Every structure is written in C-alpha cells, then in structure tokens.
Amino acid sequence: MKRNFDAYPEIGLLDSTYKLLNFNGVVYLFIVEDSIGCSEIIAVGILVFEIKEYINWSISTFKSKNDNSILIKIFMTDKDETMRSVLKCNFSTTKLILCKFHVFQIFKHEITSSKLGITSIEETRAKEYLQQISYAKSDQQY
C-alpha cells in the first residue's frame, strides 16, 4: 500500500462504503490510480459513526503516517460535504473534484423538465451531451 502511494501520490480518491460489515459502520477507502489505470487501495479506515470528528481522525491519521501526502494535488470524492470540509482543512492547497458518477447523479436530479422549464427531448439531449463531453477522448471529440 505504501509503495503504491509513494509511486502515485498526485491524485487521491476517497470514498466511503456502507453495509460492507455486519454493523452500521463506514469503511473509508483511500485509493490511487497506477500507471495502467488500475485502482490501488493505499489505506482503509473503519469508522463506527460517520461524524466529523471520526472522519477528521481518519484523514489526519492518514496524513500524519504518509510523508508523501504533501504531494497530493487533487482529491476525487463523492458529494459528502462533511468529508470534503475535513479534507479541505487537512489538505488546504489540494483541489477537490467530484467523481463522474456523482456529477451524473446531480445532473440527473437537477436537469429536469419541471425544474428548468424545458421539454423532455431537451432534457434527454442535455444529459446525453454531458455524458459525451465527459467521456471525450480528445479536444476535437469534446
């Protein structure tokens, strides 16, 4: 785990997983992506409750145990505001971005005929364009 983090410290992914264990706790996975695009778990935190103090303990412990954590430039996360605010406190110069899945979920929820006063065809088209832009492999395709 430490070797993978030492090799690829620039972009970290942090995600929480529920219902993985037989109690109502939360498993936090710290992940990096290696040179061939595979996810590598670099740390695991198991929290009994998902409260700010416990999240902060997990993130600050990760930071203190990994000297290379100062090299993290970007954290990709879900939309959990508590986790994001704790990350911002511990990694003040690190940029936080949302993963595509959560961006698509937000667009699915926010781009609707009723909310924007658009037709259902325009709603569908807007969501399709977002996906095409998100998965573009070149500037020309974008």
C-alpha atoms as a PDB file:
ATOM      1  CA  MET A   1       0.000   0.000   0.000  1.00  0.00           C
ATOM      2  CA  LYS A   2       2.719   2.436   0.973  1.00  0.00           C
ATOM      3  CA  ARG A   3       4.712   1.619  -2.163  1.00  0.00           C
ATOM      4  CA  ASN A   4       1.708   2.350  -4.379  1.00  0.00           C
ATOM      5  CA  PHE A   5       1.090   5.664  -2.644  1.00  0.00           C
ATOM      6  CA  ASP A   6       4.768   6.595  -2.874  1.00  0.00           C
ATOM      7  CA  ALA A   7       4.685   5.866  -6.616  1.00  0.00           C
ATOM      8  CA  TYR A   8       1.412   7.722  -7.411  1.00  0.00           C
ATOM      9  CA  PRO A   9       0.764  10.427  -4.803  1.00  0.00           C
ATOM     10  CA  GLU A  10      -0.571  13.216  -7.022  1.00  0.00           C
ATOM     11  CA  ILE A  11      -4.247  12.210  -7.199  1.00  0.00           C
ATOM     12  CA  GLY A  12      -6.042  10.560  -4.312  1.00  0.00           C
ATOM     13  CA  LEU A  13      -9.519   9.120  -4.311  1.00  0.00           C
ATOM     14  CA  LEU A  14     -11.500   8.896  -1.106  1.00  0.00           C
ATOM     15  CA  ASP A  15     -14.773   7.033  -0.901  1.00  0.00           C
ATOM     16  CA  SER A  16     -16.954   5.675   1.846  1.00  0.00           C
ATOM     17  CA  THR A  17     -18.698   2.330   1.644  1.00  0.00           C
ATOM     18  CA  TYR A  18     -21.726   1.366   3.676  1.00  0.00           C
ATOM     19  CA  LYS A  19     -23.200  -2.005   4.619  1.00  0.00           C
ATOM     20  CA  LEU A  20     -19.896  -3.751   3.962  1.00  0.00           C
ATOM     21  CA  LEU A  21     -19.571  -5.006   7.501  1.00  0.00           C
ATOM     22  CA  ASN A  22     -22.144  -6.507   9.867  1.00  0.00           C
ATOM     23  CA  PHE A  23     -22.567  -3.266  11.771  1.00  0.00           C
ATOM     24  CA  ASN A  24     -23.655   0.194  10.740  1.00  0.00           C
ATOM     25  CA  GLY A  25     -20.121   1.491  10.428  1.00  0.00           C
ATOM     26  CA  VAL A  26     -18.497   3.050   7.409  1.00  0.00           C
ATOM     27  CA  VAL A  27     -15.401   1.881   5.559  1.00  0.00           C
ATOM     28  CA  TYR A  28     -13.286   4.692   4.118  1.00  0.00           C
ATOM     29  CA  LEU A  29     -11.050   3.704   1.218  1.00  0.00           C
ATOM     30  CA  PHE A  30      -8.056   5.825   0.254  1.00  0.00           C
ATOM     31  CA  ILE A  31      -7.160   4.946  -3.343  1.00  0.00           C
ATOM     32  CA  VAL A  32      -4.672   5.935  -6.030  1.00  0.00           C
ATOM     33  CA  GLU A  33      -4.621   5.034  -9.695  1.00  0.00           C
ATOM     34  CA  ASP A  34      -1.484   3.344 -11.003  1.00  0.00           C
ATOM     35  CA  SER A  35       0.250   3.881 -14.357  1.00  0.00           C
ATOM     36  CA  ILE A  36      -2.084   1.481 -16.190  1.00  0.00           C
ATOM     37  CA  GLY A  37      -5.284   2.918 -14.739  1.00  0.00           C
ATOM     38  CA  CYS A  38      -5.914   0.318 -12.033  1.00  0.00           C
ATOM     39  CA  SER A  39      -7.179   1.392  -8.630  1.00  0.00           C
ATOM     40  CA  GLU A  40      -4.865   0.603  -5.758  1.00  0.00           C
ATOM     41  CA  ILE A  41      -6.064   0.832  -2.154  1.00  0.00           C
ATOM     42  CA  ILE A  42      -3.473   2.679  -0.102  1.00  0.00           C
ATOM     43  CA  ALA A  43      -5.300   2.924   3.241  1.00  0.00           C
ATOM     44  CA  VAL A  44      -8.506   1.791   4.905  1.00  0.00           C
ATOM     45  CA  GLY A  45     -10.369   3.455   7.734  1.00  0.00           C
ATOM     46  CA  ILE A  46     -13.248   1.804   9.578  1.00  0.00           C
ATOM     47  CA  LEU A  47     -15.446   4.283  11.408  1.00  0.00           C
ATOM     48  CA  VAL A  48     -18.128   3.284  13.900  1.00  0.00           C
ATOM     49  CA  PHE A  49     -20.021   6.513  13.193  1.00  0.00           C
ATOM     50  CA  GLU A  50     -19.718   8.870  10.264  1.00  0.00           C
ATOM     51  CA  ILE A  51     -19.302  12.061  12.214  1.00  0.00           C
ATOM     52  CA  LYS A  52     -16.924  14.940  11.582  1.00  0.00           C
ATOM     53  CA  GLU A  53     -14.589  14.118  14.495  1.00  0.00           C
ATOM     54  CA  TYR A  54     -14.103  10.499  13.353  1.00  0.00           C
ATOM     55  CA  ILE A  55     -13.682  11.466   9.710  1.00  0.00           C
ATOM     56  CA  ASN A  56     -11.105  14.044  10.767  1.00  0.00           C
ATOM     57  CA  TRP A  57      -9.260  11.440  12.847  1.00  0.00           C
ATOM     58  CA  SER A  58      -9.132   9.068   9.855  1.00  0.00           C
ATOM     59  CA  ILE A  59      -7.932  11.689   7.378  1.00  0.00           C
ATOM     60  CA  SER A  60      -5.450  13.360   9.738  1.00  0.00           C
ATOM     61  CA  THR A  61      -4.030   9.947  10.727  1.00  0.00           C
ATOM     62  CA  PHE A  62      -3.569   9.083   7.056  1.00  0.00           C
ATOM     63  CA  LYS A  63      -1.820  12.411   6.526  1.00  0.00           C
ATOM     64  CA  SER A  64       0.482  12.035   9.533  1.00  0.00           C
ATOM     65  CA  LYS A  65       1.505   8.463   8.616  1.00  0.00           C
ATOM     66  CA  ASN A  66       2.330   9.277   4.977  1.00  0.00           C
ATOM     67  CA  ASP A  67       5.061  11.823   4.283  1.00  0.00           C
ATOM     68  CA  ASN A  68       4.066  11.868   0.600  1.00  0.00           C
ATOM     69  CA  SER A  69       0.624  13.201   1.474  1.00  0.00           C
ATOM     70  CA  ILE A  70       2.034  16.689   0.904  1.00  0.00           C
ATOM     71  CA  LEU A  71       2.338  15.724  -2.782  1.00  0.00           C
ATOM     72  CA  ILE A  72      -1.407  15.167  -3.251  1.00  0.00           C
ATOM     73  CA  LYS A  73      -2.641  17.793  -5.700  1.00  0.00           C
ATOM     74  CA  ILE A  74      -6.199  16.529  -6.201  1.00  0.00           C
ATOM     75  CA  PHE A  75      -8.683  14.511  -4.184  1.00  0.00           C
ATOM     76  CA  MET A  76     -11.597  12.960  -6.056  1.00  0.00           C
ATOM     77  CA  THR A  77     -14.542  12.320  -3.750  1.00  0.00           C
ATOM     78  CA  ASP A  78     -18.265  11.884  -3.629  1.00  0.00           C
ATOM     79  CA  LYS A  79     -20.546  14.771  -2.667  1.00  0.00           C
ATOM     80  CA  ASP A  80     -20.410  14.237   1.107  1.00  0.00           C
ATOM     81  CA  GLU A  81     -19.882  17.761   2.435  1.00  0.00           C
ATOM     82  CA  THR A  82     -18.533  16.673   5.813  1.00  0.00           C
ATOM     83  CA  MET A  83     -15.772  14.588   4.246  1.00  0.00           C
ATOM     84  CA  ARG A  84     -14.985  17.365   1.766  1.00  0.00           C
ATOM     85  CA  SER A  85     -14.753  20.026   4.501  1.00  0.00           C
ATOM     86  CA  VAL A  86     -12.446  17.806   6.587  1.00  0.00           C
ATOM     87  CA  LEU A  87     -10.256  17.172   3.544  1.00  0.00           C
ATOM     88  CA  LYS A  88     -10.078  20.914   2.879  1.00  0.00           C
ATOM     89  CA  CYS A  89      -8.953  21.537   6.480  1.00  0.00           C
ATOM     90  CA  ASN A  90      -6.264  18.855   6.325  1.00  0.00           C
ATOM     91  CA  PHE A  91      -5.170  19.494   2.723  1.00  0.00           C
ATOM     92  CA  SER A  92      -5.787  23.215   2.257  1.00  0.00           C
ATOM     93  CA  THR A  93      -3.918  23.506  -1.054  1.00  0.00           C
ATOM     94  CA  THR A  94      -5.386  20.344  -2.568  1.00  0.00           C
ATOM     95  CA  LYS A  95      -8.127  20.678  -5.170  1.00  0.00           C
ATOM     96  CA  LEU A  96     -11.325  18.694  -4.548  1.00  0.00           C
ATOM     97  CA  ILE A  97     -13.228  17.299  -7.510  1.00  0.00           C
ATOM     98  CA  LEU A  98     -16.359  15.169  -7.784  1.00  0.00           C
ATOM     99  CA  CYS A  99     -16.266  11.792  -9.468  1.00  0.00           C
ATOM    100  CA  LYS A 100     -18.231  11.427 -12.710  1.00  0.00           C
ATOM    101  CA  PHE A 101     -20.831   9.171 -11.129  1.00  0.00           C
ATOM    102  CA  HIS A 102     -21.856  11.877  -8.672  1.00  0.00           C
ATOM    103  CA  VAL A 103     -21.741  14.599 -11.311  1.00  0.00           C
ATOM    104  CA  PHE A 104     -24.130  12.497 -13.422  1.00  0.00           C
ATOM    105  CA  GLN A 105     -26.373  11.946 -10.379  1.00  0.00           C
ATOM    106  CA  ILE A 106     -26.528  15.698  -9.748  1.00  0.00           C
ATOM    107  CA  PHE A 107     -27.342  16.406 -13.388  1.00  0.00           C
ATOM    108  CA  LYS A 108     -29.983  13.677 -13.393  1.00  0.00           C
ATOM    109  CA  HIS A 109     -31.609  15.314 -10.393  1.00  0.00           C
ATOM    110  CA  GLU A 110     -31.203  18.941 -11.476  1.00  0.00           C
ATOM    111  CA  ILE A 111     -31.766  18.830 -15.244  1.00  0.00           C
ATOM    112  CA  THR A 112     -35.461  18.135 -15.426  1.00  0.00           C
ATOM    113  CA  SER A 113     -38.300  19.473 -17.487  1.00  0.00           C
ATOM    114  CA  SER A 114     -40.104  20.730 -14.405  1.00  0.00           C
ATOM    115  CA  LYS A 115     -37.099  22.469 -12.795  1.00  0.00           C
ATOM    116  CA  LEU A 116     -35.801  24.148 -15.951  1.00  0.00           C
ATOM    117  CA  GLY A 117     -38.973  24.599 -17.982  1.00  0.00           C
ATOM    118  CA  ILE A 118     -37.571  22.622 -20.913  1.00  0.00           C
ATOM    119  CA  THR A 119     -39.094  19.855 -22.989  1.00  0.00           C
ATOM    120  CA  SER A 120     -38.392  16.207 -22.233  1.00  0.00           C
ATOM    121  CA  ILE A 121     -36.451  15.999 -25.505  1.00  0.00           C
ATOM    122  CA  GLU A 122     -34.228  18.912 -24.400  1.00  0.00           C
ATOM    123  CA  GLU A 123     -33.769  17.257 -21.006  1.00  0.00           C
ATOM    124  CA  THR A 124     -32.665  13.990 -22.607  1.00  0.00           C
ATOM    125  CA  ARG A 125     -30.380  15.780 -25.061  1.00  0.00           C
ATOM    126  CA  ALA A 126     -28.711  17.845 -22.326  1.00  0.00           C
ATOM    127  CA  LYS A 127     -27.941  14.704 -20.305  1.00  0.00           C
ATOM    128  CA  GLU A 128     -26.614  12.926 -23.399  1.00  0.00           C
ATOM    129  CA  TYR A 129     -24.345  15.891 -24.212  1.00  0.00           C
ATOM    130  CA  LEU A 130     -22.949  15.880 -20.685  1.00  0.00           C
ATOM    131  CA  GLN A 131     -22.044  12.193 -20.986  1.00  0.00           C
ATOM    132  CA  GLN A 132     -20.478  12.688 -24.414  1.00  0.00           C
ATOM    133  CA  ILE A 133     -18.399  15.606 -23.147  1.00  0.00           C
ATOM    134  CA  SER A 134     -17.370  13.683 -20.031  1.00  0.00           C
ATOM    135  CA  TYR A 135     -16.128  10.697 -21.983  1.00  0.00           C
ATOM    136  CA  ALA A 136     -14.498  12.608 -24.853  1.00  0.00           C
ATOM    137  CA  LYS A 137     -11.061  11.213 -25.625  1.00  0.00           C
ATOM    138  CA  SER A 138      -9.736  14.266 -27.479  1.00  0.00           C
ATOM    139  CA  ASP A 139     -10.258  18.020 -27.734  1.00  0.00           C
ATOM    140  CA  GLN A 140     -11.811  17.516 -31.167  1.00  0.00           C
ATOM    141  CA  GLN A 141     -14.292  14.954 -29.825  1.00  0.00           C
ATOM    142  CA  TYR A 142     -15.061  17.299 -26.919  1.00  0.00           C
END
